[in-house]
């Protein structure tokens, strides 16, 4: 067969296919676009109601041969937590030698100035309580550290005087041995007292640090529990909404998917992905499976 004839036939077939696709896609995409827009509004209303308005924004996209993807921006349990939950805990200084001379306890307040006034105003009570606790802990550590530093300075002075006395008793024959010995014993007594005080201060400082670390750990556990609770609320709300209103996505092919990208519920720098089969959604709409079963059927992972 003539090569030109074959080429012409292939081009004709491709042209027909292209014309067919072009003729079908606009109507399908228009229907899907309308249905997805409606579902977006339904999901937004349901999620805000079921999660106490913790869904900041929701938007959708459709990918041919794949399905619909809803992106949700989820915030924490409160505006206060949203702002400060990811802030790292200030590291405590090394235990053996602590110098707070250059540390400004008010730095925390200075950093908070970067937060917009309306956010601080809306969370003023929680802000003041948290700042007070942080300042109180920092002041306690600072106070004990200063006491420990003063004790250390006194110990060094007494040790120096003791060495001077020992040197004088060995090299100054005119020195009265009895007076030198009495003074030496008094110094040793003061040194022992200060060493005991230093040990007590060190233990107090260690206990304070343990308390601070325990509070940090408790806060992290509480945030993790709240995050898990919020995840369960979002997942339940999504499944219930799909079961109640999933029939609205009638133009979406049965072999495609409805996916959700949850920003703010995964680990740091990741999102939680949930993928539902359109066929499973139809079963839930028909009452063949429950919303809880639909939740289990979804593929969930972080990315």
Protein backbone atom coordinates (compact mmCIF):
# COMPACT_ATOMS: atom_id res chain seq x y z
CA UNK A 1 0.00 0.00 0.00
CA UNK A 2 1.23 3.46 -0.78
CA UNK A 3 2.95 5.05 2.22
CA UNK A 4 1.24 8.34 1.54
CA UNK A 5 -2.14 6.58 1.58
CA UNK A 6 -1.39 4.91 4.94
CA UNK A 7 -0.24 8.19 6.40
CA UNK A 8 -3.36 9.94 5.20
CA UNK A 9 -5.55 7.20 6.69
CA UNK A 10 -3.83 7.45 10.07
CA UNK A 11 -4.17 11.21 10.12
CA UNK A 12 -7.84 10.89 9.23
CA UNK A 13 -8.44 8.43 12.11
CA UNK A 14 -6.58 10.64 14.59
CA UNK A 15 -8.54 13.62 13.36
CA UNK A 16 -11.80 11.80 13.96
CA UNK A 17 -10.73 10.74 17.45
CA UNK A 18 -9.58 14.24 18.28
CA UNK A 19 -12.83 15.71 17.04
CA UNK A 20 -14.76 13.14 19.06
CA UNK A 21 -12.84 13.94 22.27
CA UNK A 22 -13.16 17.67 21.69
CA UNK A 23 -16.87 17.27 21.14
CA UNK A 24 -17.35 15.26 24.35
CA UNK A 25 -14.97 16.93 26.81
CA UNK A 26 -16.58 20.38 27.12
CA UNK A 27 -19.97 19.04 28.16
CA UNK A 28 -18.47 16.51 30.60
CA UNK A 29 -16.03 18.95 32.11
CA UNK A 30 -18.71 21.60 32.46
CA UNK A 31 -20.95 19.15 34.34
CA UNK A 32 -18.09 17.95 36.55
CA UNK A 33 -17.01 21.50 37.22
CA UNK A 34 -20.50 22.50 38.34
CA UNK A 35 -20.94 19.43 40.53
CA UNK A 36 -17.49 19.82 42.10
CA UNK A 37 -18.18 23.50 42.86
CA UNK A 38 -21.41 22.55 44.62
CA UNK A 39 -19.69 19.74 46.53
CA UNK A 40 -16.93 22.17 47.52
CA UNK A 41 -19.50 24.46 49.15
CA UNK A 42 -21.24 21.53 50.86
CA UNK A 43 -17.97 20.15 52.21
CA UNK A 44 -16.87 23.59 53.39
CA UNK A 45 -20.10 24.15 55.34
CA UNK A 46 -20.13 20.64 56.80
CA UNK A 47 -16.48 20.69 57.85
CA UNK A 48 -16.70 24.13 59.44
CA UNK A 49 -19.75 23.03 61.40
CA UNK A 50 -18.34 19.66 62.45
CA UNK A 51 -14.89 21.01 63.41
CA UNK A 52 -15.88 24.30 65.04
CA UNK A 53 -14.68 26.35 62.05
CA UNK A 54 -11.17 24.91 62.01
CA UNK A 55 -11.16 24.65 58.24
CA UNK A 56 -9.59 27.81 56.90
CA UNK A 57 -10.09 27.20 53.21
CA UNK A 58 -11.06 24.50 50.74
CA UNK A 59 -10.52 24.35 47.00
CA UNK A 60 -10.96 21.65 44.37
CA UNK A 61 -9.37 20.52 41.13
CA UNK A 62 -10.32 17.82 38.65
CA UNK A 63 -7.78 15.59 36.94
CA UNK A 64 -8.98 13.67 33.92
CA UNK A 65 -8.83 9.87 34.35
CA UNK A 66 -7.93 10.37 38.02
CA UNK A 67 -10.67 12.23 39.80
CA UNK A 68 -11.41 15.20 42.04
CA UNK A 69 -8.92 16.52 44.59
CA UNK A 70 -10.11 18.72 47.45
CA UNK A 71 -7.40 20.67 49.29
CA UNK A 72 -8.22 21.62 52.89
CA UNK A 73 -6.28 24.05 55.04
CA UNK A 74 -6.81 22.88 58.61
CA UNK A 75 -5.79 24.99 61.56
CA UNK A 76 -5.20 23.99 65.18
CA UNK A 77 -7.71 23.89 68.00
CA UNK A 78 -7.33 27.61 68.62
CA UNK A 79 -5.73 30.68 67.11
CA UNK A 80 -3.32 30.69 70.03
CA UNK A 81 -2.20 27.11 69.32
CA UNK A 82 -1.94 27.83 65.61
CA UNK A 83 0.52 30.63 66.27
CA UNK A 84 2.66 29.04 68.96
CA UNK A 85 2.29 25.26 68.57
CA UNK A 86 5.20 25.04 66.13
CA UNK A 87 7.44 27.41 68.03
CA UNK A 88 10.43 25.51 69.43
CA UNK A 89 11.00 25.50 73.18
CA UNK A 90 13.85 27.75 74.21
CA UNK A 91 16.79 25.48 75.14
CA UNK A 92 17.94 25.69 78.74
CA UNK A 93 21.57 26.75 79.21
CA UNK A 94 24.20 24.14 80.21
CA UNK A 95 23.86 23.08 83.83
CA UNK A 96 27.48 23.33 85.17
CA UNK A 97 28.07 26.99 84.32
CA UNK A 98 25.08 29.22 83.74
CA UNK A 99 25.57 32.86 82.84
CA UNK A 100 22.39 34.86 82.46
CA UNK A 101 24.19 38.19 82.33
CA UNK A 102 23.49 38.66 78.64
CA UNK A 103 20.06 37.02 78.62
CA UNK A 104 17.05 39.29 78.35
CA UNK A 105 14.03 37.73 79.98
CA UNK A 106 11.83 40.15 78.03
CA UNK A 107 12.94 38.70 74.68
CA UNK A 108 9.81 36.58 74.60
CA UNK A 109 7.65 39.69 74.73
CA UNK A 110 9.76 41.34 72.04
CA UNK A 111 9.26 38.39 69.72
CA UNK A 112 5.52 38.52 70.24
CA UNK A 113 5.48 42.02 68.73
CA UNK A 114 5.72 40.34 65.33
CA UNK A 115 2.25 38.88 65.87
CA UNK A 116 -0.54 41.03 64.51
CA UNK A 117 -2.44 43.05 67.05
CA UNK A 118 -5.81 41.48 66.30
CA UNK A 119 -4.51 37.96 66.95
CA UNK A 120 -2.97 38.99 70.28
CA UNK A 121 -6.18 40.78 71.23
CA UNK A 122 -8.34 37.74 70.44
CA UNK A 123 -6.09 35.49 72.53
CA UNK A 124 -5.00 38.01 75.17
CA UNK A 125 -5.95 35.94 78.21
CA UNK A 126 -4.21 32.79 76.97
CA UNK A 127 -1.25 34.89 75.85
CA UNK A 128 -0.85 36.57 79.23
CA UNK A 129 -1.11 33.26 81.09
CA UNK A 130 1.45 31.56 78.87
CA UNK A 131 3.86 34.50 79.03
CA UNK A 132 3.53 34.65 82.81
CA UNK A 133 4.38 30.95 83.14
CA UNK A 134 7.33 31.26 80.79
CA UNK A 135 8.66 34.34 82.59
CA UNK A 136 8.15 32.75 85.97
CA UNK A 137 10.13 29.67 84.98
CA UNK A 138 12.90 31.75 83.42
CA UNK A 139 13.10 34.02 86.47
CA UNK A 140 13.34 31.05 88.82
CA UNK A 141 16.15 29.48 86.83
CA UNK A 142 17.89 32.84 86.61
CA UNK A 143 17.57 33.51 90.34
CA UNK A 144 18.99 30.13 91.31
CA UNK A 145 21.76 30.45 88.73
CA UNK A 146 22.75 33.85 90.14
CA UNK A 147 22.78 32.46 93.66
CA UNK A 148 24.90 29.54 92.52
CA UNK A 149 27.27 31.93 90.75
CA UNK A 150 27.59 34.07 93.93
CA UNK A 151 28.31 30.96 95.99
CA UNK A 152 30.95 29.88 93.50
CA UNK A 153 32.60 33.30 93.67
CA UNK A 154 32.67 33.18 97.47
CA UNK A 155 34.10 29.66 97.37
CA UNK A 156 36.89 30.77 95.06
CA UNK A 157 37.69 33.71 97.37
CA UNK A 158 37.81 31.48 100.43
CA UNK A 159 39.93 28.88 98.68
CA UNK A 160 42.35 31.61 97.61
CA UNK A 161 42.57 32.95 101.18
CA UNK A 162 43.10 29.43 102.48
CA UNK A 163 46.00 28.90 100.06
CA UNK A 164 47.50 32.24 101.15
CA UNK A 165 47.33 31.18 104.79
CA UNK A 166 48.97 27.86 104.03
CA UNK A 167 51.70 29.64 102.11
CA UNK A 168 52.24 32.11 105.01
CA UNK A 169 52.44 29.34 107.58
CA UNK A 170 55.15 27.61 105.55
CA UNK A 171 57.28 30.63 104.65
CA UNK A 172 56.66 33.33 107.26
CA UNK A 173 58.33 32.38 110.54
CA UNK A 174 56.98 35.51 112.22
CA UNK A 175 53.43 34.46 111.67
CA UNK A 176 51.62 33.17 114.69
CA UNK A 177 50.83 29.56 113.96
CA UNK A 178 47.91 29.44 116.34
CA UNK A 179 46.10 32.37 114.73
CA UNK A 180 46.77 31.01 111.26
CA UNK A 181 45.40 27.61 112.22
CA UNK A 182 42.26 29.14 113.74
CA UNK A 183 41.64 31.21 110.65
CA UNK A 184 42.24 28.17 108.46
CA UNK A 185 39.67 26.14 110.39
CA UNK A 186 37.14 28.97 110.11
CA UNK A 187 37.73 29.11 106.37
CA UNK A 188 37.29 25.36 106.04
CA UNK A 189 34.02 25.61 107.97
CA UNK A 190 32.76 28.41 105.71
CA UNK A 191 33.88 26.48 102.64
CA UNK A 192 31.99 23.35 103.76
CA UNK A 193 28.88 25.46 104.39
CA UNK A 194 29.08 27.07 100.96
CA UNK A 195 29.69 23.73 99.26
CA UNK A 196 26.57 22.37 100.94
CA UNK A 197 24.62 25.42 99.80
CA UNK A 198 25.97 25.00 96.28
CA UNK A 199 24.87 21.36 96.22
CA UNK A 200 21.38 22.38 97.34
CA UNK A 201 21.16 25.06 94.65
CA UNK A 202 22.31 22.62 92.00
CA UNK A 203 19.61 20.14 93.01
CA UNK A 204 17.00 22.90 92.97
CA UNK A 205 18.09 23.97 89.52
CA UNK A 206 17.98 20.38 88.27
CA UNK A 207 14.48 19.96 89.69
CA UNK A 208 13.35 23.18 88.02
CA UNK A 209 14.70 21.98 84.70
CA UNK A 210 12.91 18.66 85.11
CA UNK A 211 9.66 20.50 85.85
CA UNK A 212 10.10 22.70 82.76
CA UNK A 213 10.85 19.69 80.57
CA UNK A 214 7.85 17.86 82.04
CA UNK A 215 5.59 20.82 81.21
CA UNK A 216 6.96 20.89 77.66
CA UNK A 217 6.31 17.16 77.30
CA UNK A 218 2.80 17.54 78.72
CA UNK A 219 2.08 20.34 76.27
CA UNK A 220 3.30 18.24 73.35
CA UNK A 221 1.16 15.29 74.45
CA UNK A 222 -1.86 17.54 74.78
CA UNK A 223 -1.28 19.02 71.33
CA UNK A 224 -0.86 15.54 69.85
CA UNK A 225 -4.13 14.41 71.45
CA UNK A 226 -5.95 17.49 70.16
CA UNK A 227 -4.46 16.94 66.71
CA UNK A 228 -5.65 13.33 66.70
CA UNK A 229 -9.11 14.37 67.83
CA UNK A 230 -9.28 16.98 65.09
CA UNK A 231 -8.18 14.41 62.51
CA UNK A 232 -10.96 12.08 63.59
CA UNK A 233 -13.50 14.91 63.37
CA UNK A 234 -12.36 15.85 59.88
CA UNK A 235 -12.33 12.23 58.67
CA UNK A 236 -15.79 11.56 60.09
CA UNK A 237 -17.18 14.76 58.62
CA UNK A 238 -15.76 13.98 55.17
CA UNK A 239 -17.20 10.44 55.13
CA UNK A 240 -20.63 11.54 56.36
CA UNK A 241 -20.77 14.32 53.79
CA UNK A 242 -19.78 11.99 50.96
CA UNK A 243 -22.39 9.48 52.03
CA UNK A 244 -25.09 12.16 52.28
CA UNK A 245 -24.25 14.23 49.22
CA UNK A 246 -21.88 12.09 47.14
CA UNK A 247 -24.60 11.46 44.59
CA UNK A 248 -24.08 15.03 43.47
CA UNK A 249 -20.88 13.91 41.73
CA UNK A 250 -22.89 11.92 39.21
CA UNK A 251 -20.79 13.04 36.21
CA UNK A 252 -17.58 11.75 37.79
CA UNK A 253 -16.69 8.36 36.23
CA UNK A 254 -17.13 5.40 38.57
CA UNK A 255 -13.52 4.26 38.15
CA UNK A 256 -12.11 7.58 39.33
CA UNK A 257 -11.47 8.88 42.84
CA UNK A 258 -12.34 11.64 45.28
CA UNK A 259 -9.21 12.65 47.15
CA UNK A 260 -8.49 15.04 50.01
CA UNK A 261 -5.23 16.82 50.80
CA UNK A 262 -5.32 17.90 54.46
CA UNK A 263 -2.74 20.58 55.16
CA UNK A 264 -1.99 21.11 58.83
CA UNK A 265 -2.84 17.61 60.10
CA UNK A 266 0.26 15.70 59.02
CA UNK A 267 3.78 15.87 60.36
CA UNK A 268 5.88 18.95 59.75
CA UNK A 269 6.18 19.90 56.09
CA UNK A 270 3.81 17.10 55.03
CA UNK A 271 0.12 16.80 54.24
CA UNK A 272 -2.30 14.00 55.05
CA UNK A 273 -3.78 12.41 51.91
CA UNK A 274 -7.10 10.52 51.87
CA UNK A 275 -8.27 8.79 48.67
CA UNK A 276 -11.82 7.46 48.21
CA UNK A 277 -13.05 5.31 45.33
CA UNK A 278 -16.09 6.74 43.56
CA UNK A 279 -17.60 3.23 43.59
CA UNK A 280 -17.31 3.07 47.41
CA UNK A 281 -18.96 6.49 47.71
CA UNK A 282 -21.88 5.26 45.60
CA UNK A 283 -22.26 2.23 47.89
CA UNK A 284 -22.42 4.52 50.93
CA UNK A 285 -24.94 6.78 49.23
CA UNK A 286 -27.08 3.72 48.45
CA UNK A 287 -26.81 2.53 52.06
CA UNK A 288 -24.82 -0.59 51.25
CA UNK A 289 -22.01 0.52 53.58
CA UNK A 290 -21.89 2.96 56.50
CA UNK A 291 -19.85 6.14 56.72
CA UNK A 292 -17.49 4.48 59.23
CA UNK A 293 -16.83 1.71 56.70
CA UNK A 294 -16.19 4.28 53.98
CA UNK A 295 -13.59 5.90 56.24
CA UNK A 296 -11.78 2.57 56.62
CA UNK A 297 -11.85 1.91 52.89
CA UNK A 298 -10.09 5.19 52.13
CA UNK A 299 -6.35 5.08 51.44
CA UNK A 300 -4.58 7.37 53.93
CA UNK A 301 -0.92 8.40 53.90
CA UNK A 302 1.33 11.39 54.43
CA UNK A 303 3.25 13.07 51.66
